Amino acid sequence: MNGGSGARIFRARRGTISGERPRPTCPLAALRVGERGRVVRVKSASTPLLQKLLAMAVLPGSEVRVDLNFPAFVFEVGNTRVAVDRAIAEQIEVERVTCVEERPRGVKG
C-alpha cells in the first residue's frame, strides 16, 4: 500500500499534495544583505544553541531579513536584531522568500 496516510500528511506539510513543489532551502549564511528567508529548521545544533535561538524567536516559520553579513551575521526576526557568527548562520536552514521591493529605510512617502 503505497501513499498511506503518513505519506499524505508529509506531502500536505511540504505543500506537494496540491501539486506545488517544495521550495529549495539554503543556510541563512547564503542570503545576501536585504534578502528575506523563512526558517525551516536548525541543523545539528546543540541544546544550548537551540535554547538561545528559541529565546530570540528564531524558530521554524519565522521570517528573517539579513542586515549585515560581515564581520558578524546580523539579521532581523520580528522586531529584534540578532547577531551571530557565520558558523551559527550556517546551521539555520531557510527558504528564500520573494517579496515586493521595499522602499529604503528612512524614505517617507
PDB file of N, CA and C in Angstrom:
ATOM      1  N   MET A   1       0.846  -1.189   0.000  1.00  0.00           N
ATOM      2  CA  MET A   1       0.000   0.000   0.000  1.00  0.00           C
ATOM      3  C   MET A   1       0.879   1.236   0.000  1.00  0.00           C
ATOM      4  N   ASN A   2       1.045   1.836  -1.142  1.00  0.00           N
ATOM      5  CA  ASN A   2       1.917   2.986  -1.312  1.00  0.00           C
ATOM      6  C   ASN A   2       1.120   4.282  -1.145  1.00  0.00           C
ATOM      7  N   GLY A   3       1.671   5.260  -0.432  1.00  0.00           N
ATOM      8  CA  GLY A   3       0.995   6.552  -0.280  1.00  0.00           C
ATOM      9  C   GLY A   3      -0.060   6.550   0.803  1.00  0.00           C
ATOM     10  N   GLY A   4       0.204   5.850   1.928  1.00  0.00           N
ATOM     11  CA  GLY A   4      -0.740   5.805   3.046  1.00  0.00           C
ATOM     12  C   GLY A   4      -0.924   7.165   3.684  1.00  0.00           C
ATOM     13  N   SER A   5      -1.657   7.172   4.784  1.00  0.00           N
ATOM     14  CA  SER A   5      -1.992   8.442   5.425  1.00  0.00           C
ATOM     15  C   SER A   5      -0.753   9.184   5.917  1.00  0.00           C
ATOM     16  N   GLY A   6       0.288   8.456   6.359  1.00  0.00           N
ATOM     17  CA  GLY A   6       1.522   9.116   6.798  1.00  0.00           C
ATOM     18  C   GLY A   6       2.175   9.883   5.665  1.00  0.00           C
ATOM     19  N   ALA A   7       2.225   9.253   4.484  1.00  0.00           N
ATOM     20  CA  ALA A   7       2.809   9.922   3.315  1.00  0.00           C
ATOM     21  C   ALA A   7       1.965  11.123   2.912  1.00  0.00           C
ATOM     22  N   ARG A   8       0.645  11.006   3.035  1.00  0.00           N
ATOM     23  CA  ARG A   8      -0.244  12.108   2.675  1.00  0.00           C
ATOM     24  C   ARG A   8      -0.013  13.300   3.607  1.00  0.00           C
ATOM     25  N   ILE A   9       0.139  13.037   4.892  1.00  0.00           N
ATOM     26  CA  ILE A   9       0.399  14.118   5.856  1.00  0.00           C
ATOM     27  C   ILE A   9       1.722  14.796   5.523  1.00  0.00           C
ATOM     28  N   PHE A  10       2.765  14.010   5.205  1.00  0.00           N
ATOM     29  CA  PHE A  10       4.066  14.579   4.860  1.00  0.00           C
ATOM     30  C   PHE A  10       3.936  15.477   3.634  1.00  0.00           C
ATOM     31  N   ARG A  11       3.261  14.998   2.582  1.00  0.00           N
ATOM     32  CA  ARG A  11       3.097  15.781   1.369  1.00  0.00           C
ATOM     33  C   ARG A  11       2.285  17.041   1.634  1.00  0.00           C
ATOM     34  N   ALA A  12       1.292  16.960   2.517  1.00  0.00           N
ATOM     35  CA  ALA A  12       0.492  18.145   2.845  1.00  0.00           C
ATOM     36  C   ALA A  12       1.355  19.187   3.537  1.00  0.00           C
ATOM     37  N   ARG A  13       2.221  18.752   4.440  1.00  0.00           N
ATOM     38  CA  ARG A  13       3.086  19.693   5.152  1.00  0.00           C
ATOM     39  C   ARG A  13       4.101  20.329   4.222  1.00  0.00           C
ATOM     40  N   ARG A  14       4.586  19.569   3.246  1.00  0.00           N
ATOM     41  CA  ARG A  14       5.586  20.075   2.321  1.00  0.00           C
ATOM     42  C   ARG A  14       4.962  20.840   1.155  1.00  0.00           C
ATOM     43  N   GLY A  15       3.633  20.848   1.048  1.00  0.00           N
ATOM     44  CA  GLY A  15       2.973  21.598   0.001  1.00  0.00           C
ATOM     45  C   GLY A  15       2.874  20.864  -1.320  1.00  0.00           C
ATOM     46  N   THR A  16       3.230  19.560  -1.347  1.00  0.00           N
ATOM     47  CA  THR A  16       3.233  18.833  -2.615  1.00  0.00           C
ATOM     48  C   THR A  16       1.898  18.168  -2.920  1.00  0.00           C
ATOM     49  N   ILE A  17       1.001  18.124  -1.965  1.00  0.00           N
ATOM     50  CA  ILE A  17      -0.282  17.477  -2.202  1.00  0.00           C
ATOM     51  C   ILE A  17      -1.129  18.277  -3.181  1.00  0.00           C
ATOM     52  N   SER A  18      -0.934  19.573  -3.220  1.00  0.00           N
ATOM     53  CA  SER A  18      -1.692  20.429  -4.127  1.00  0.00           C
ATOM     54  C   SER A  18      -0.960  20.616  -5.454  1.00  0.00           C
ATOM     55  N   GLY A  19       0.112  19.871  -5.656  1.00  0.00           N
ATOM     56  CA  GLY A  19       0.868  19.990  -6.893  1.00  0.00           C
ATOM     57  C   GLY A  19       2.035  20.964  -6.793  1.00  0.00           C
ATOM     58  N   GLU A  20       2.126  21.690  -5.703  1.00  0.00           N
ATOM     59  CA  GLU A  20       3.217  22.645  -5.500  1.00  0.00           C
ATOM     60  C   GLU A  20       4.464  21.878  -5.086  1.00  0.00           C
ATOM     61  N   ARG A  21       5.590  22.209  -5.678  1.00  0.00           N
ATOM     62  CA  ARG A  21       6.842  21.547  -5.324  1.00  0.00           C
ATOM     63  C   ARG A  21       7.440  22.213  -4.090  1.00  0.00           C
ATOM     64  N   PRO A  22       8.125  21.432  -3.262  1.00  0.00           N
ATOM     65  CA  PRO A  22       8.768  22.047  -2.095  1.00  0.00           C
ATOM     66  C   PRO A  22       9.837  23.038  -2.547  1.00  0.00           C
ATOM     67  N   ARG A  23       9.932  24.146  -1.843  1.00  0.00           N
ATOM     68  CA  ARG A  23      10.927  25.158  -2.176  1.00  0.00           C
ATOM     69  C   ARG A  23      12.303  24.695  -1.731  1.00  0.00           C
ATOM     70  N   PRO A  24      13.326  25.019  -2.511  1.00  0.00           N
ATOM     71  CA  PRO A  24      14.678  24.657  -2.095  1.00  0.00           C
ATOM     72  C   PRO A  24      15.091  25.486  -0.880  1.00  0.00           C
ATOM     73  N   THR A  25      15.898  24.903  -0.050  1.00  0.00           N
ATOM     74  CA  THR A  25      16.364  25.595   1.147  1.00  0.00           C
ATOM     75  C   THR A  25      17.864  25.843   1.039  1.00  0.00           C
ATOM     76  N   CYS A  26      18.340  26.747   1.881  1.00  0.00           N
ATOM     77  CA  CYS A  26      19.760  27.067   1.935  1.00  0.00           C
ATOM     78  C   CYS A  26      20.077  27.545   3.346  1.00  0.00           C
ATOM     79  N   PRO A  27      21.352  27.591   3.708  1.00  0.00           N
ATOM     80  CA  PRO A  27      21.705  28.141   5.015  1.00  0.00           C
ATOM     81  C   PRO A  27      21.425  29.642   5.043  1.00  0.00           C
ATOM     82  N   LEU A  28      21.097  30.152   6.201  1.00  0.00           N
ATOM     83  CA  LEU A  28      20.876  31.586   6.370  1.00  0.00           C
ATOM     84  C   LEU A  28      22.102  32.371   5.897  1.00  0.00           C
ATOM     85  N   ALA A  29      23.276  31.809   6.093  1.00  0.00           N
ATOM     86  CA  ALA A  29      24.519  32.473   5.697  1.00  0.00           C
ATOM     87  C   ALA A  29      24.613  32.682   4.189  1.00  0.00           C
ATOM     88  N   ALA A  30      23.808  31.973   3.398  1.00  0.00           N
ATOM     89  CA  ALA A  30      23.850  32.108   1.941  1.00  0.00           C
ATOM     90  C   ALA A  30      23.024  33.294   1.440  1.00  0.00           C
ATOM     91  N   LEU A  31      22.181  33.871   2.298  1.00  0.00           N
ATOM     92  CA  LEU A  31      21.369  35.011   1.876  1.00  0.00           C
ATOM     93  C   LEU A  31      22.226  36.266   1.812  1.00  0.00           C
ATOM     94  N   ARG A  32      21.912  37.128   0.854  1.00  0.00           N
ATOM     95  CA  ARG A  32      22.618  38.400   0.717  1.00  0.00           C
ATOM     96  C   ARG A  32      21.945  39.460   1.583  1.00  0.00           C
ATOM     97  N   VAL A  33      22.636  40.555   1.805  1.00  0.00           N
ATOM     98  CA  VAL A  33      22.092  41.669   2.586  1.00  0.00           C
ATOM     99  C   VAL A  33      20.797  42.146   1.924  1.00  0.00           C
ATOM    100  N   GLY A  34      19.740  42.275   2.729  1.00  0.00           N
ATOM    101  CA  GLY A  34      18.439  42.711   2.234  1.00  0.00           C
ATOM    102  C   GLY A  34      17.510  41.572   1.870  1.00  0.00           C
ATOM    103  N   GLU A  35      18.052  40.359   1.692  1.00  0.00           N
ATOM    104  CA  GLU A  35      17.207  39.218   1.340  1.00  0.00           C
ATOM    105  C   GLU A  35      16.433  38.725   2.556  1.00  0.00           C
ATOM    106  N   ARG A  36      15.278  38.122   2.265  1.00  0.00           N
ATOM    107  CA  ARG A  36      14.430  37.551   3.309  1.00  0.00           C
ATOM    108  C   ARG A  36      14.373  36.040   3.156  1.00  0.00           C
ATOM    109  N   GLY A  37      14.162  35.393   4.275  1.00  0.00           N
ATOM    110  CA  GLY A  37      14.001  33.943   4.270  1.00  0.00           C
ATOM    111  C   GLY A  37      13.072  33.524   5.391  1.00  0.00           C
ATOM    112  N   ARG A  38      12.504  32.348   5.257  1.00  0.00           N
ATOM    113  CA  ARG A  38      11.650  31.773   6.297  1.00  0.00           C
ATOM    114  C   ARG A  38      12.389  30.576   6.883  1.00  0.00           C
ATOM    115  N   VAL A  39      12.548  30.556   8.197  1.00  0.00           N
ATOM    116  CA  VAL A  39      13.275  29.485   8.876  1.00  0.00           C
ATOM    117  C   VAL A  39      12.534  28.164   8.681  1.00  0.00           C
ATOM    118  N   VAL A  40      13.267  27.154   8.230  1.00  0.00           N
ATOM    119  CA  VAL A  40      12.713  25.817   8.041  1.00  0.00           C
ATOM    120  C   VAL A  40      13.105  24.924   9.212  1.00  0.00           C
ATOM    121  N   ARG A  41      14.395  24.957   9.569  1.00  0.00           N
ATOM    122  CA  ARG A  41      14.882  24.155  10.693  1.00  0.00           C
ATOM    123  C   ARG A  41      16.276  24.612  11.086  1.00  0.00           C
ATOM    124  N   VAL A  42      16.729  24.130  12.233  1.00  0.00           N
ATOM    125  CA  VAL A  42      18.095  24.352  12.685  1.00  0.00           C
ATOM    126  C   VAL A  42      18.780  23.000  12.633  1.00  0.00           C
ATOM    127  N   LYS A  43      19.867  22.918  11.862  1.00  0.00           N
ATOM    128  CA  LYS A  43      20.568  21.651  11.651  1.00  0.00           C
ATOM    129  C   LYS A  43      21.557  21.373  12.775  1.00  0.00           C
ATOM    130  N   SER A  44      21.616  20.131  13.194  1.00  0.00           N
ATOM    131  CA  SER A  44      22.613  19.596  14.124  1.00  0.00           C
ATOM    132  C   SER A  44      23.158  20.613  15.126  1.00  0.00           C
ATOM    133  N   ALA A  45      22.275  21.240  15.844  1.00  0.00           N
ATOM    134  CA  ALA A  45      22.699  22.242  16.825  1.00  0.00           C
ATOM    135  C   ALA A  45      22.659  21.641  18.230  1.00  0.00           C
ATOM    136  N   SER A  46      23.478  22.169  19.089  1.00  0.00           N
ATOM    137  CA  SER A  46      23.496  21.737  20.477  1.00  0.00           C
ATOM    138  C   SER A  46      22.275  22.282  21.214  1.00  0.00           C
ATOM    139  N   THR A  47      21.947  21.677  22.329  1.00  0.00           N
ATOM    140  CA  THR A  47      20.798  22.123  23.119  1.00  0.00           C
ATOM    141  C   THR A  47      20.941  23.576  23.561  1.00  0.00           C
ATOM    142  N   PRO A  48      22.109  24.021  24.062  1.00  0.00           N
ATOM    143  CA  PRO A  48      22.226  25.437  24.444  1.00  0.00           C
ATOM    144  C   PRO A  48      21.994  26.390  23.264  1.00  0.00           C
ATOM    145  N   LEU A  49      22.484  26.017  22.073  1.00  0.00           N
ATOM    146  CA  LEU A  49      22.266  26.864  20.898  1.00  0.00           C
ATOM    147  C   LEU A  49      20.788  26.903  20.529  1.00  0.00           C
ATOM    148  N   LEU A  50      20.129  25.753  20.570  1.00  0.00           N
ATOM    149  CA  LEU A  50      18.697  25.713  20.266  1.00  0.00           C
ATOM    150  C   LEU A  50      17.908  26.582  21.246  1.00  0.00           C
ATOM    151  N   GLN A  51      18.272  26.516  22.525  1.00  0.00           N
ATOM    152  CA  GLN A  51      17.586  27.329  23.530  1.00  0.00           C
ATOM    153  C   GLN A  51      17.827  28.821  23.284  1.00  0.00           C
ATOM    154  N   LYS A  52      19.050  29.170  22.907  1.00  0.00           N
ATOM    155  CA  LYS A  52      19.390  30.567  22.628  1.00  0.00           C
ATOM    156  C   LYS A  52      18.591  31.077  21.428  1.00  0.00           C
ATOM    157  N   LEU A  53      18.534  30.290  20.350  1.00  0.00           N
ATOM    158  CA  LEU A  53      17.787  30.696  19.157  1.00  0.00           C
ATOM    159  C   LEU A  53      16.294  30.771  19.451  1.00  0.00           C
ATOM    160  N   LEU A  54      15.791  29.858  20.240  1.00  0.00           N
ATOM    161  CA  LEU A  54      14.379  29.882  20.625  1.00  0.00           C
ATOM    162  C   LEU A  54      14.063  31.155  21.407  1.00  0.00           C
ATOM    163  N   ALA A  55      14.952  31.552  22.308  1.00  0.00           N
ATOM    164  CA  ALA A  55      14.751  32.773  23.092  1.00  0.00           C
ATOM    165  C   ALA A  55      14.755  34.019  22.206  1.00  0.00           C
ATOM    166  N   MET A  56      15.446  33.945  21.064  1.00  0.00           N
ATOM    167  CA  MET A  56      15.490  35.078  20.138  1.00  0.00           C
ATOM    168  C   MET A  56      14.406  34.970  19.059  1.00  0.00           C
ATOM    169  N   ALA A  57      13.494  34.020  19.209  1.00  0.00           N
ATOM    170  CA  ALA A  57      12.371  33.804  18.277  1.00  0.00           C
ATOM    171  C   ALA A  57      12.814  33.313  16.905  1.00  0.00           C
ATOM    172  N   VAL A  58      13.979  32.679  16.834  1.00  0.00           N
ATOM    173  CA  VAL A  58      14.440  32.071  15.586  1.00  0.00           C
ATOM    174  C   VAL A  58      13.967  30.619  15.606  1.00  0.00           C
ATOM    175  N   LEU A  59      12.768  30.407  15.092  1.00  0.00           N
ATOM    176  CA  LEU A  59      12.181  29.077  15.083  1.00  0.00           C
ATOM    177  C   LEU A  59      11.469  28.839  13.763  1.00  0.00           C
ATOM    178  N   PRO A  60      11.186  27.588  13.420  1.00  0.00           N
ATOM    179  CA  PRO A  60      10.566  27.291  12.136  1.00  0.00           C
ATOM    180  C   PRO A  60       9.314  28.128  11.895  1.00  0.00           C
ATOM    181  N   GLY A  61       9.253  28.724  10.704  1.00  0.00           N
ATOM    182  CA  GLY A  61       8.136  29.574  10.329  1.00  0.00           C
ATOM    183  C   GLY A  61       8.427  31.058  10.490  1.00  0.00           C
ATOM    184  N   SER A  62       9.458  31.399  11.261  1.00  0.00           N
ATOM    185  CA  SER A  62       9.817  32.805  11.459  1.00  0.00           C
ATOM    186  C   SER A  62      10.438  33.365  10.188  1.00  0.00           C
ATOM    187  N   GLU A  63      10.084  34.606   9.856  1.00  0.00           N
ATOM    188  CA  GLU A  63      10.691  35.250   8.699  1.00  0.00           C
ATOM    189  C   GLU A  63      11.836  36.129   9.176  1.00  0.00           C
ATOM    190  N   VAL A  64      12.958  36.056   8.456  1.00  0.00           N
ATOM    191  CA  VAL A  64      14.152  36.819   8.804  1.00  0.00           C
ATOM    192  C   VAL A  64      14.579  37.675   7.615  1.00  0.00           C
ATOM    193  N   ARG A  65      15.271  38.781   7.914  1.00  0.00           N
ATOM    194  CA  ARG A  65      15.827  39.641   6.861  1.00  0.00           C
ATOM    195  C   ARG A  65      17.263  39.945   7.228  1.00  0.00           C
ATOM    196  N   VAL A  66      18.171  39.717   6.297  1.00  0.00           N
ATOM    197  CA  VAL A  66      19.602  39.907   6.542  1.00  0.00           C
ATOM    198  C   VAL A  66      19.957  41.390   6.449  1.00  0.00           C
ATOM    199  N   ASP A  67      20.625  41.893   7.494  1.00  0.00           N
ATOM    200  CA  ASP A  67      21.069  43.288   7.542  1.00  0.00           C
ATOM    201  C   ASP A  67      22.567  43.429   7.267  1.00  0.00           C
ATOM    202  N   LEU A  68      23.343  42.441   7.674  1.00  0.00           N
ATOM    203  CA  LEU A  68      24.802  42.520   7.574  1.00  0.00           C
ATOM    204  C   LEU A  68      25.337  41.100   7.513  1.00  0.00           C
ATOM    205  N   ASN A  69      26.386  40.873   6.717  1.00  0.00           N
ATOM    206  CA  ASN A  69      26.944  39.519   6.681  1.00  0.00           C
ATOM    207  C   ASN A  69      28.444  39.474   6.949  1.00  0.00           C
ATOM    208  N   PHE A  70      29.023  40.595   7.343  1.00  0.00           N
ATOM    209  CA  PHE A  70      30.425  40.613   7.733  1.00  0.00           C
ATOM    210  C   PHE A  70      30.676  41.803   8.646  1.00  0.00           C
ATOM    211  N   PRO A  71      31.402  41.715   9.688  1.00  0.00           N
ATOM    212  CA  PRO A  71      32.145  40.593  10.250  1.00  0.00           C
ATOM    213  C   PRO A  71      31.249  39.597  10.994  1.00  0.00           C
ATOM    214  N   ALA A  72      30.129  40.068  11.519  1.00  0.00           N
ATOM    215  CA  ALA A  72      29.162  39.161  12.141  1.00  0.00           C
ATOM    216  C   ALA A  72      27.968  39.055  11.208  1.00  0.00           C
ATOM    217  N   PHE A  73      27.148  38.065  11.432  1.00  0.00           N
ATOM    218  CA  PHE A  73      25.952  37.886  10.616  1.00  0.00           C
ATOM    219  C   PHE A  73      24.792  38.484  11.403  1.00  0.00           C
ATOM    220  N   VAL A  74      24.227  39.602  10.915  1.00  0.00           N
ATOM    221  CA  VAL A  74      23.158  40.312  11.617  1.00  0.00           C
ATOM    222  C   VAL A  74      21.881  40.194  10.797  1.00  0.00           C
ATOM    223  N   PHE A  75      20.798  39.791  11.465  1.00  0.00           N
ATOM    224  CA  PHE A  75      19.516  39.673  10.785  1.00  0.00           C
ATOM    225  C   PHE A  75      18.400  40.082  11.715  1.00  0.00           C
ATOM    226  N   GLU A  76      17.261  40.422  11.126  1.00  0.00           N
ATOM    227  CA  GLU A  76      16.087  40.792  11.900  1.00  0.00           C
ATOM    228  C   GLU A  76      15.101  39.640  11.887  1.00  0.00           C
ATOM    229  N   VAL A  77      14.518  39.378  13.029  1.00  0.00           N
ATOM    230  CA  VAL A  77      13.429  38.420  13.151  1.00  0.00           C
ATOM    231  C   VAL A  77      12.379  39.123  14.002  1.00  0.00           C
ATOM    232  N   GLY A  78      11.220  39.373  13.412  1.00  0.00           N
ATOM    233  CA  GLY A  78      10.221  40.188  14.097  1.00  0.00           C
ATOM    234  C   GLY A  78      10.762  41.588  14.272  1.00  0.00           C
ATOM    235  N   ASN A  79      10.714  42.113  15.499  1.00  0.00           N
ATOM    236  CA  ASN A  79      11.251  43.447  15.795  1.00  0.00           C
ATOM    237  C   ASN A  79      12.599  43.379  16.482  1.00  0.00           C
ATOM    238  N   THR A  80      13.282  42.248  16.350  1.00  0.00           N
ATOM    239  CA  THR A  80      14.543  42.025  17.047  1.00  0.00           C
ATOM    240  C   THR A  80      15.677  41.876  16.052  1.00  0.00           C
ATOM    241  N   ARG A  81      16.795  42.535  16.328  1.00  0.00           N
ATOM    242  CA  ARG A  81      18.013  42.336  15.538  1.00  0.00           C
ATOM    243  C   ARG A  81      18.887  41.339  16.278  1.00  0.00           C
ATOM    244  N   VAL A  82      19.354  40.346  15.550  1.00  0.00           N
ATOM    245  CA  VAL A  82      20.154  39.270  16.132  1.00  0.00           C
ATOM    246  C   VAL A  82      21.508  39.235  15.434  1.00  0.00           C
ATOM    247  N   ALA A  83      22.573  39.085  16.207  1.00  0.00           N
ATOM    248  CA  ALA A  83      23.921  38.947  15.643  1.00  0.00           C
ATOM    249  C   ALA A  83      24.473  37.583  16.054  1.00  0.00           C
ATOM    250  N   VAL A  84      24.907  36.821  15.063  1.00  0.00           N
ATOM    251  CA  VAL A  84      25.504  35.512  15.309  1.00  0.00           C
ATOM    252  C   VAL A  84      26.742  35.385  14.431  1.00  0.00           C
ATOM    253  N   ASP A  85      27.601  34.422  14.758  1.00  0.00           N
ATOM    254  CA  ASP A  85      28.758  34.211  13.883  1.00  0.00           C
ATOM    255  C   ASP A  85      28.334  33.344  12.699  1.00  0.00           C
ATOM    256  N   ARG A  86      29.194  33.271  11.704  1.00  0.00           N
ATOM    257  CA  ARG A  86      28.870  32.568  10.464  1.00  0.00           C
ATOM    258  C   ARG A  86      28.586  31.080  10.715  1.00  0.00           C
ATOM    259  N   ALA A  87      29.275  30.455  11.662  1.00  0.00           N
ATOM    260  CA  ALA A  87      29.053  29.028  11.939  1.00  0.00           C
ATOM    261  C   ALA A  87      27.608  28.774  12.377  1.00  0.00           C
ATOM    262  N   ILE A  88      27.046  29.675  13.181  1.00  0.00           N
ATOM    263  CA  ILE A  88      25.647  29.524  13.612  1.00  0.00           C
ATOM    264  C   ILE A  88      24.714  29.815  12.447  1.00  0.00           C
ATOM    265  N   ALA A  89      25.028  30.837  11.645  1.00  0.00           N
ATOM    266  CA  ALA A  89      24.190  31.167  10.483  1.00  0.00           C
ATOM    267  C   ALA A  89      24.153  30.003   9.489  1.00  0.00           C
ATOM    268  N   GLU A  90      25.211  29.214   9.439  1.00  0.00           N
ATOM    269  CA  GLU A  90      25.243  28.035   8.560  1.00  0.00           C
ATOM    270  C   GLU A  90      24.309  26.933   9.075  1.00  0.00           C
ATOM    271  N   GLN A  91      24.013  26.918  10.362  1.00  0.00           N
ATOM    272  CA  GLN A  91      23.157  25.889  10.954  1.00  0.00           C
ATOM    273  C   GLN A  91      21.667  26.175  10.780  1.00  0.00           C
ATOM    274  N   ILE A  92      21.319  27.426  10.458  1.00  0.00           N
ATOM    275  CA  ILE A  92      19.915  27.820  10.321  1.00  0.00           C
ATOM    276  C   ILE A  92      19.512  27.670   8.863  1.00  0.00           C
ATOM    277  N   GLU A  93      18.628  26.727   8.585  1.00  0.00           N
ATOM    278  CA  GLU A  93      18.191  26.456   7.217  1.00  0.00           C
ATOM    279  C   GLU A  93      16.929  27.255   6.914  1.00  0.00           C
ATOM    280  N   VAL A  94      16.937  27.982   5.793  1.00  0.00           N
ATOM    281  CA  VAL A  94      15.806  28.834   5.412  1.00  0.00           C
ATOM    282  C   VAL A  94      15.396  28.560   3.967  1.00  0.00           C
ATOM    283  N   GLU A  95      14.178  28.968   3.643  1.00  0.00           N
ATOM    284  CA  GLU A  95      13.773  29.014   2.242  1.00  0.00           C
ATOM    285  C   GLU A  95      13.672  30.488   1.887  1.00  0.00           C
ATOM    286  N   ARG A  96      14.182  30.828   0.713  1.00  0.00           N
ATOM    287  CA  ARG A  96      14.138  32.231   0.274  1.00  0.00           C
ATOM    288  C   ARG A  96      12.698  32.665   0.099  1.00  0.00           C
ATOM    289  N   VAL A  97      12.419  33.907   0.494  1.00  0.00           N
ATOM    290  CA  VAL A  97      11.082  34.473   0.347  1.00  0.00           C
ATOM    291  C   VAL A  97      11.187  35.602  -0.665  1.00  0.00           C
ATOM    292  N   THR A  98      10.434  35.507  -1.742  1.00  0.00           N
ATOM    293  CA  THR A  98      10.421  36.603  -2.703  1.00  0.00           C
ATOM    294  C   THR A  98       9.360  37.583  -2.253  1.00  0.00           C
ATOM    295  N   CYS A  99       9.684  38.843  -2.311  1.00  0.00           N
ATOM    296  CA  CYS A  99       8.740  39.855  -1.863  1.00  0.00           C
ATOM    297  C   CYS A  99       8.844  41.076  -2.756  1.00  0.00           C
ATOM    298  N   VAL A 100       7.833  41.914  -2.683  1.00  0.00           N
ATOM    299  CA  VAL A 100       7.828  43.149  -3.443  1.00  0.00           C
ATOM    300  C   VAL A 100       8.937  44.033  -2.913  1.00  0.00           C
ATOM    301  N   GLU A 101       9.637  44.699  -3.817  1.00  0.00           N
ATOM    302  CA  GLU A 101      10.740  45.559  -3.398  1.00  0.00           C
ATOM    303  C   GLU A 101      10.225  46.660  -2.490  1.00  0.00           C
ATOM    304  N   GLU A 102      10.925  46.861  -1.390  1.00  0.00           N
ATOM    305  CA  GLU A 102      10.521  47.856  -0.407  1.00  0.00           C
ATOM    306  C   GLU A 102      11.307  49.145  -0.597  1.00  0.00           C
ATOM    307  N   ARG A 103      10.779  50.220  -0.031  1.00  0.00           N
ATOM    308  CA  ARG A 103      11.500  51.491  -0.035  1.00  0.00           C
ATOM    309  C   ARG A 103      12.687  51.365   0.915  1.00  0.00           C
ATOM    310  N   PRO A 104      13.766  52.058   0.602  1.00  0.00           N
ATOM    311  CA  PRO A 104      14.900  52.055   1.529  1.00  0.00           C
ATOM    312  C   PRO A 104      14.493  52.659   2.864  1.00  0.00           C
ATOM    313  N   ARG A 105      15.160  52.239   3.916  1.00  0.00           N
ATOM    314  CA  ARG A 105      14.865  52.782   5.243  1.00  0.00           C
ATOM    315  C   ARG A 105      15.061  54.274   5.267  1.00  0.00           C
ATOM    316  N   GLY A 106      14.170  54.970   5.978  1.00  0.00           N
ATOM    317  CA  GLY A 106      14.280  56.394   6.137  1.00  0.00           C
ATOM    318  C   GLY A 106      13.589  57.198   5.044  1.00  0.00           C
ATOM    319  N   VAL A 107      13.093  56.530   4.006  1.00  0.00           N
ATOM    320  CA  VAL A 107      12.387  57.230   2.927  1.00  0.00           C
ATOM    321  C   VAL A 107      10.906  57.229   3.220  1.00  0.00           C
ATOM    322  N   LYS A 108      10.318  58.397   3.256  1.00  0.00           N
ATOM    323  CA  LYS A 108       8.885  58.506   3.543  1.00  0.00           C
ATOM    324  C   LYS A 108       8.121  58.743   2.258  1.00  0.00           C
ATOM    325  N   GLY A 109       6.817  58.426   2.338  1.00  0.00           N
ATOM    326  CA  GLY A 109       6.003  58.772   1.195  1.00  0.00           C
ATOM    327  C   GLY A 109       5.463  57.622   0.546  1.00  0.00           C
TER     328      GLY A 109
END
